Protein backbone atom coordinates (compact mmCIF):
# COMPACT_ATOMS: atom_id res chain seq x y z
CA UNK A 1 -1.21 -0.94 21.86
CA UNK A 2 1.86 1.01 20.77
CA UNK A 3 3.24 -2.07 19.02
CA UNK A 4 -0.02 -2.67 17.16
CA UNK A 5 -0.02 0.95 15.91
CA UNK A 6 3.63 0.67 14.93
CA UNK A 7 2.90 -2.57 13.07
CA UNK A 8 -0.14 -1.20 11.17
CA UNK A 9 1.86 2.11 10.14
CA UNK A 10 4.80 -0.13 9.00
CA UNK A 11 2.64 -2.45 6.88
CA UNK A 12 0.81 0.56 5.46
CA UNK A 13 4.10 2.20 4.52
CA UNK A 14 5.09 -1.16 2.78
CA UNK A 15 1.84 -1.30 0.99
CA UNK A 16 2.26 2.26 -0.38
CA UNK A 17 5.78 1.48 -1.38
CA UNK A 18 4.70 -1.51 -3.28
CA UNK A 19 1.93 0.56 -5.07
CA UNK A 20 4.58 3.16 -6.04
CA UNK A 21 6.80 0.33 -7.37
CA UNK A 22 4.10 -1.18 -9.54
CA UNK A 23 3.01 2.11 -10.84
CA UNK A 24 6.48 2.98 -11.83
CA UNK A 25 6.91 -0.46 -13.35
CA UNK A 26 3.79 0.06 -15.51
CA UNK A 27 5.36 3.05 -17.05
CA UNK A 28 8.60 1.26 -18.22
CA UNK A 29 8.47 -0.15 -21.77
CA UNK A 30 8.91 -3.76 -22.59
CA UNK A 31 7.86 -5.20 -19.31
CA UNK A 32 6.34 -8.77 -19.12
CA UNK A 33 3.34 -8.41 -16.94
CA UNK A 34 0.79 -6.40 -18.84
CA UNK A 35 0.32 -2.78 -17.71
CA UNK A 36 -3.22 -3.45 -16.86
CA UNK A 37 -2.29 -6.19 -14.39
CA UNK A 38 0.32 -3.92 -12.77
CA UNK A 39 -2.08 -1.06 -12.26
CA UNK A 40 -4.61 -3.54 -10.77
CA UNK A 41 -2.00 -4.76 -8.33
CA UNK A 42 -1.11 -1.19 -7.50
CA UNK A 43 -4.77 -0.43 -6.76
CA UNK A 44 -5.17 -3.33 -4.49
CA UNK A 45 -2.00 -2.33 -2.61
CA UNK A 46 -3.12 1.23 -2.42
CA UNK A 47 -6.62 0.30 -1.13
CA UNK A 48 -5.12 -1.97 1.37
CA UNK A 49 -2.63 0.76 2.53
CA UNK A 50 -5.42 3.23 2.85
CA UNK A 51 -7.62 0.97 4.71
CA UNK A 52 -4.82 0.09 7.20
CA UNK A 53 -3.93 3.78 7.52
CA UNK A 54 -7.52 4.56 8.62
CA UNK A 55 -7.57 1.69 11.19
CA UNK A 56 -4.14 2.77 12.47
CA UNK A 57 -5.23 6.33 12.84
CA UNK A 58 -8.50 5.29 14.59
CA UNK A 59 -6.64 3.20 17.02
CA UNK A 60 -4.06 6.03 17.66
CA UNK A 61 -6.76 8.52 18.53
CA UNK A 62 -8.91 6.21 20.49
CA UNK A 63 -6.18 5.58 23.18
């Protein structure tokens, strides 16, 4: 079960890192993907990261 927790926390961290990357990219001038699209991608990654974090914490405290 520890490997599942580790995997979920790792994927959660990667999702949050991707969210930060897209949010910072949206603030740069002269980027090709529209800012609205980058913010939408960041939102989906943030939502996925938060969901995985909740699942990982529930698994961690249930054992």
